[in-house]
Amino acid sequence: MKFVYSPDYHADIGFHVFPTEKYDLIYKQLLTDGLIKSDNVLLPESPDNEQLLHILTQEYLDDLLNYRVTSRTYPSEMPVKKDIIDAQILCCGGSSLAAHTALETGACFHIGGGFHHAFSDHAEGFCYLNDVVFSAVMMLGQGRKRVAVIDCDLHQGNGTAKFFENEKRVFTFSIHQERLYPAKQKSDLDIGLCNGIDDEEYLGMLEGALVRIFGEFGPDFVIYLAGADPYIFDQLGSLRLTVEGLRKRDELVINKVSDANIPVIAVLGGGYAENVEDTVLIHCNTARVMTERLKEH
């Protein structure tokens, strides 16, 4: 399996709950595990302005390229800084590269991405640009006719849902904690979870949703947002999934995609565990599940 990664994803955001060092730590752990080798890691490039205008308004893009604090950039909970914005632009290129690679190889793991709160005309949360939207738009441009976004982050993918609300070729699914940020948009399928949901309840609801998505929509490409933040010890959430439960979540999604022989990418999404090592372990487990499943086929 191929991986996409750049050391430039690690931007200096100062004292913050978002651990940008996780990208480097995940890369190093997968290298130690032997999953990453010299010939299977790809370095992304930033999209050009014309490509970014597929997902952004001209006014918002101008703000981002000039690192301006405006009504469009201000809603971000990140500093308006060059290295942070440039890293998220690069992440769009990373998710797009992963998607194009998956068309050739069947699957690709992006050690980055998942900035699903960004809208076409403004930032939200920790997100300036929505790489999930960008990669889906690029796949539509490559002739994919039914792209499914399977968003298993703690928070609803509101920016993704809004962007594709009238796009019948993209099915947006989000399973998330309901009584939590953000202000919700309408996905094609939303499962808003009560606080305190555990592994068994979560996995049962996810399995039912996957049966519906694959049975009724029939995707020909899948973008899997494998957030680490439904974890019981996440600082921002109130769900109670264990490390093993999150691995079983990954297995449910990847097995379903693999059984259907559909190209898939995984992007990281959120993860704010009290110990960053837990976040790294959860994300690395997603890569391990994908690699193990591919070996079987």
Protein backbone atom coordinates (compact mmCIF):
# COMPACT_ATOMS: atom_id res chain seq x y z
CA MET A 1 0.00 0.00 0.00
CA LYS A 2 1.12 3.54 -0.72
CA PHE A 3 1.32 6.37 1.83
CA VAL A 4 1.24 10.14 1.36
CA TYR A 5 3.14 12.34 3.82
CA SER A 6 4.99 15.62 4.11
CA PRO A 7 7.10 16.93 7.02
CA ASP A 8 5.63 20.34 6.19
CA TYR A 9 2.30 19.27 7.73
CA HIS A 10 3.85 19.98 11.13
CA ALA A 11 3.18 23.71 11.44
CA ASP A 12 3.88 25.79 14.53
CA ILE A 13 0.46 26.58 16.00
CA GLY A 14 1.71 27.43 19.46
CA PHE A 15 0.05 26.10 22.63
CA HIS A 16 -3.00 24.28 21.28
CA VAL A 17 -5.08 21.14 21.81
CA PHE A 18 -4.38 20.07 18.21
CA PRO A 19 -1.15 18.00 18.23
CA THR A 20 0.42 18.75 14.84
CA GLU A 21 3.43 16.71 15.91
CA LYS A 22 1.26 13.63 15.43
CA TYR A 23 2.00 13.61 11.70
CA ASP A 24 5.73 13.12 12.28
CA LEU A 25 5.11 10.61 15.07
CA ILE A 26 2.76 8.51 12.91
CA TYR A 27 5.24 8.53 10.03
CA LYS A 28 8.11 7.44 12.29
CA GLN A 29 6.04 4.68 13.92
CA LEU A 30 4.90 3.25 10.58
CA LEU A 31 8.50 3.41 9.39
CA THR A 32 9.59 1.50 12.50
CA ASP A 33 6.81 -1.04 11.93
CA GLY A 34 8.02 -1.62 8.39
CA LEU A 35 4.76 -0.50 6.78
CA ILE A 36 6.48 2.52 5.25
CA LYS A 37 9.47 1.77 3.05
CA SER A 38 11.60 3.83 0.71
CA ASP A 39 9.45 2.99 -2.29
CA ASN A 40 5.90 3.40 -0.97
CA VAL A 41 5.72 6.93 0.45
CA LEU A 42 4.72 9.82 -1.82
CA LEU A 43 5.43 13.52 -1.29
CA PRO A 44 2.51 15.82 -2.11
CA GLU A 45 2.58 19.14 -3.94
CA SER A 46 0.32 22.13 -3.31
CA PRO A 47 -2.56 22.63 -5.76
CA ASP A 48 -2.46 25.73 -7.91
CA ASN A 49 -4.93 28.59 -7.50
CA GLU A 50 -7.09 27.45 -10.39
CA GLN A 51 -7.55 24.06 -8.77
CA LEU A 52 -8.35 25.61 -5.39
CA LEU A 53 -11.10 27.69 -6.97
CA HIS A 54 -12.98 24.43 -7.52
CA ILE A 55 -13.67 24.46 -3.76
CA LEU A 56 -13.15 28.10 -2.68
CA THR A 57 -14.59 31.48 -3.54
CA GLN A 58 -12.16 33.97 -5.04
CA GLU A 59 -12.52 36.30 -2.04
CA TYR A 60 -11.73 33.60 0.48
CA LEU A 61 -8.79 32.29 -1.55
CA ASP A 62 -7.35 35.80 -1.70
CA ASP A 63 -7.59 36.07 2.09
CA LEU A 64 -5.81 32.75 2.53
CA LEU A 65 -3.02 33.50 0.06
CA ASN A 66 -2.37 36.84 1.73
CA TYR A 67 -2.78 35.49 5.29
CA ARG A 68 -5.34 38.16 6.15
CA VAL A 69 -7.52 38.27 9.25
CA THR A 70 -10.99 38.88 7.83
CA SER A 71 -14.57 37.82 8.48
CA ARG A 72 -13.77 34.75 6.36
CA THR A 73 -10.59 33.61 8.12
CA TYR A 74 -11.45 34.80 11.64
CA PRO A 75 -13.86 31.91 12.45
CA SER A 76 -10.90 29.52 12.47
CA GLU A 77 -9.64 28.44 15.86
CA MET A 78 -6.13 28.43 14.41
CA PRO A 79 -3.78 31.41 14.10
CA VAL A 80 -3.88 33.11 10.70
CA LYS A 81 -0.28 32.27 9.86
CA LYS A 82 1.55 31.40 6.65
CA ASP A 83 2.92 28.02 7.72
CA ILE A 84 -0.48 26.85 9.01
CA ILE A 85 -2.41 27.90 5.91
CA ASP A 86 0.29 26.61 3.59
CA ALA A 87 0.23 23.24 5.40
CA GLN A 88 -3.52 22.92 4.86
CA ILE A 89 -3.21 23.88 1.19
CA LEU A 90 -0.54 21.18 0.91
CA CYS A 91 -2.93 18.75 2.66
CA CYS A 92 -5.41 19.30 -0.17
CA GLY A 93 -2.70 18.20 -2.55
CA GLY A 94 -1.97 15.25 -0.28
CA SER A 95 -5.54 13.97 -0.21
CA SER A 96 -5.83 14.45 -3.96
CA LEU A 97 -2.56 12.57 -4.53
CA ALA A 98 -3.81 9.77 -2.27
CA ALA A 99 -7.05 9.59 -4.25
CA HIS A 100 -5.31 9.41 -7.62
CA THR A 101 -2.96 6.76 -6.22
CA ALA A 102 -5.89 4.70 -4.96
CA LEU A 103 -7.36 4.66 -8.46
CA GLU A 104 -4.20 2.84 -9.56
CA THR A 105 -3.47 0.66 -6.54
CA GLY A 106 -6.82 0.23 -4.77
CA ALA A 107 -5.98 2.05 -1.52
CA CYS A 108 -3.81 4.81 -0.09
CA PHE A 109 -3.27 6.13 3.43
CA HIS A 110 -2.79 9.86 3.87
CA ILE A 111 -0.83 10.79 6.98
CA GLY A 112 -2.70 14.07 7.13
CA GLY A 113 -5.94 15.69 6.09
CA GLY A 114 -9.50 15.41 7.32
CA PHE A 115 -10.15 19.16 7.64
CA HIS A 116 -13.88 18.69 7.18
CA HIS A 117 -15.17 21.86 8.86
CA ALA A 118 -13.89 24.30 6.22
CA PHE A 119 -16.48 25.85 3.89
CA SER A 120 -16.01 27.29 0.42
CA ASP A 121 -16.21 30.85 1.74
CA HIS A 122 -14.88 30.69 5.32
CA ALA A 123 -12.85 28.78 7.88
CA GLU A 124 -14.28 26.89 10.83
CA GLY A 125 -12.82 24.93 13.72
CA PHE A 126 -9.22 24.01 13.04
CA CYS A 127 -9.84 24.03 9.29
CA TYR A 128 -8.99 26.57 6.59
CA LEU A 129 -9.38 24.31 3.52
CA ASN A 130 -11.41 21.14 3.16
CA ASP A 131 -9.12 18.48 1.67
CA VAL A 132 -11.95 15.92 1.81
CA VAL A 133 -14.02 18.10 -0.51
CA PHE A 134 -10.99 18.78 -2.71
CA SER A 135 -10.17 15.11 -3.21
CA ALA A 136 -13.81 14.24 -3.91
CA VAL A 137 -14.05 17.01 -6.52
CA MET A 138 -10.84 15.76 -8.13
CA MET A 139 -12.31 12.24 -8.28
CA LEU A 140 -15.46 13.53 -9.97
CA GLY A 141 -13.15 15.17 -12.49
CA GLN A 142 -11.53 11.77 -13.06
CA GLY A 143 -14.87 10.25 -14.00
CA ARG A 144 -15.96 8.77 -10.67
CA LYS A 145 -19.76 8.83 -10.58
CA ARG A 146 -20.58 7.84 -6.98
CA VAL A 147 -18.13 9.07 -4.33
CA ALA A 148 -18.96 8.21 -0.71
CA VAL A 149 -17.48 10.18 2.18
CA ILE A 150 -17.54 8.00 5.30
CA ASP A 151 -16.82 10.42 8.12
CA CYS A 152 -16.14 8.73 11.47
CA ASP A 153 -14.70 11.77 13.24
CA LEU A 154 -16.08 12.82 16.64
CA HIS A 155 -17.47 15.99 15.05
CA GLN A 156 -19.90 16.24 12.15
CA GLY A 157 -18.31 17.01 8.78
CA ASN A 158 -20.38 20.16 8.36
CA GLY A 159 -18.25 21.80 5.68
CA THR A 160 -18.31 18.64 3.57
CA ALA A 161 -22.07 18.21 3.98
CA LYS A 162 -22.76 21.81 2.97
CA PHE A 163 -20.51 21.74 -0.10
CA PHE A 164 -22.14 18.61 -1.51
CA GLU A 165 -25.72 19.24 -0.39
CA ASN A 166 -26.94 19.43 -4.02
CA GLU A 167 -24.40 17.04 -5.57
CA LYS A 168 -26.05 13.68 -6.22
CA ARG A 169 -22.76 12.04 -7.23
CA VAL A 170 -21.38 12.41 -3.69
CA PHE A 171 -22.91 10.67 -0.67
CA THR A 172 -21.95 12.29 2.62
CA PHE A 173 -22.20 10.22 5.80
CA SER A 174 -21.24 11.38 9.27
CA ILE A 175 -21.41 9.49 12.57
CA HIS A 176 -20.60 11.90 15.38
CA GLN A 177 -21.37 13.12 18.88
CA GLU A 178 -24.57 15.12 18.55
CA ARG A 179 -24.35 17.54 21.49
CA LEU A 180 -21.04 19.01 20.44
CA TYR A 181 -19.47 21.46 18.00
CA PRO A 182 -20.19 22.27 15.17
CA ALA A 183 -23.50 23.77 14.13
CA LYS A 184 -24.83 20.89 12.08
CA GLN A 185 -25.42 20.82 8.33
CA LYS A 186 -27.46 18.09 6.64
CA SER A 187 -25.45 15.14 5.32
CA ASP A 188 -27.07 12.51 3.14
CA LEU A 189 -26.97 10.35 6.25
CA ASP A 190 -26.24 11.58 9.76
CA ILE A 191 -26.02 9.55 12.94
CA GLY A 192 -25.88 11.89 15.93
CA LEU A 193 -24.72 9.92 18.95
CA CYS A 194 -25.66 10.47 22.57
CA ASN A 195 -22.87 11.12 25.07
CA GLY A 196 -21.37 7.97 26.54
CA ILE A 197 -21.88 5.64 23.56
CA ASP A 198 -19.53 2.64 23.84
CA ASP A 199 -17.89 0.27 21.35
CA GLU A 200 -20.81 -2.12 20.93
CA GLU A 201 -23.45 0.54 20.35
CA TYR A 202 -21.24 2.53 18.01
CA LEU A 203 -20.20 -0.44 15.89
CA GLY A 204 -23.77 -1.65 15.56
CA MET A 205 -24.97 1.70 14.25
CA LEU A 206 -22.00 2.07 11.92
CA GLU A 207 -22.50 -1.40 10.46
CA GLY A 208 -26.14 -0.63 9.68
CA ALA A 209 -25.18 2.63 7.99
CA LEU A 210 -22.55 0.92 5.84
CA VAL A 211 -25.08 -1.67 4.67
CA ARG A 212 -27.36 1.18 3.61
CA ILE A 213 -24.62 3.21 1.89
CA PHE A 214 -23.24 0.30 -0.11
CA GLY A 215 -26.66 -1.18 -0.83
CA GLU A 216 -28.54 1.97 -1.84
CA PHE A 217 -25.84 4.32 -3.15
CA GLY A 218 -23.27 1.85 -4.46
CA PRO A 219 -20.11 3.99 -4.36
CA ASP A 220 -17.30 3.64 -6.88
CA PHE A 221 -14.84 5.53 -4.66
CA VAL A 222 -14.62 5.96 -0.87
CA ILE A 223 -13.00 8.65 1.25
CA TYR A 224 -12.71 7.40 4.82
CA LEU A 225 -12.18 10.02 7.50
CA ALA A 226 -10.78 7.94 10.35
CA GLY A 227 -10.85 10.39 13.25
CA ALA A 228 -9.14 9.28 16.46
CA ASP A 229 -11.34 11.53 18.61
CA PRO A 230 -14.28 9.20 19.43
CA TYR A 231 -11.75 7.74 21.90
CA ILE A 232 -12.80 7.53 25.56
CA PHE A 233 -9.85 9.65 26.71
CA ASP A 234 -10.18 12.36 24.05
CA GLN A 235 -10.12 15.84 25.57
CA LEU A 236 -12.88 17.26 23.35
CA GLY A 237 -15.44 14.46 23.37
CA SER A 238 -17.75 12.38 25.53
CA LEU A 239 -17.91 9.11 23.59
CA ARG A 240 -16.43 5.98 25.15
CA LEU A 241 -14.76 4.05 22.35
CA THR A 242 -11.64 2.08 23.23
CA VAL A 243 -8.52 1.64 21.11
CA GLU A 244 -9.76 -1.85 20.20
CA GLY A 245 -13.22 -0.51 19.39
CA LEU A 246 -11.73 2.06 17.03
CA ARG A 247 -9.69 -0.66 15.35
CA LYS A 248 -12.88 -2.67 14.85
CA ARG A 249 -14.46 0.47 13.36
CA ASP A 250 -11.60 0.60 10.85
CA GLU A 251 -12.08 -3.09 10.07
CA LEU A 252 -15.81 -2.60 9.44
CA VAL A 253 -15.18 0.20 6.95
CA ILE A 254 -12.13 -1.26 5.20
CA ASN A 255 -13.59 -4.77 4.96
CA LYS A 256 -16.78 -3.39 3.41
CA VAL A 257 -14.83 -1.38 0.87
CA SER A 258 -12.44 -4.22 0.12
CA ASP A 259 -15.24 -6.76 -0.33
CA ALA A 260 -16.80 -4.43 -2.89
CA ASN A 261 -13.41 -3.95 -4.63
CA ILE A 262 -13.71 -0.15 -4.47
CA PRO A 263 -10.74 2.28 -4.34
CA VAL A 264 -10.40 3.92 -0.93
CA ILE A 265 -8.30 6.51 0.83
CA ALA A 266 -8.06 7.16 4.54
CA VAL A 267 -7.38 10.61 5.98
CA LEU A 268 -6.70 11.29 9.63
CA GLY A 269 -9.20 13.83 10.95
CA GLY A 270 -9.14 14.79 14.62
CA GLY A 271 -7.50 13.26 17.66
CA TYR A 272 -6.96 15.07 20.96
CA ALA A 273 -6.20 12.34 23.47
CA GLU A 274 -4.74 13.25 26.83
CA ASN A 275 -1.65 11.32 25.76
CA VAL A 276 -0.60 11.99 22.16
CA GLU A 277 0.78 8.45 22.04
CA ASP A 278 -2.81 7.16 22.15
CA THR A 279 -3.76 9.33 19.18
CA VAL A 280 -0.75 8.07 17.25
CA LEU A 281 -1.61 4.44 18.10
CA ILE A 282 -5.21 4.85 16.90
CA HIS A 283 -4.16 6.41 13.59
CA CYS A 284 -1.42 3.82 13.05
CA ASN A 285 -3.96 1.06 13.66
CA THR A 286 -6.01 2.38 10.73
CA ALA A 287 -2.95 2.03 8.51
CA ARG A 288 -2.28 -1.45 9.87
CA VAL A 289 -5.86 -2.55 9.17
CA MET A 290 -5.67 -1.25 5.61
CA THR A 291 -2.32 -2.93 5.00
CA GLU A 292 -3.40 -6.27 6.48
CA ARG A 293 -6.64 -6.31 4.49
CA LEU A 294 -4.84 -5.56 1.25
CA LYS A 295 -2.47 -8.47 1.84
CA GLU A 296 -5.49 -10.78 1.84
CA HIS A 297 -6.51 -9.70 -1.66
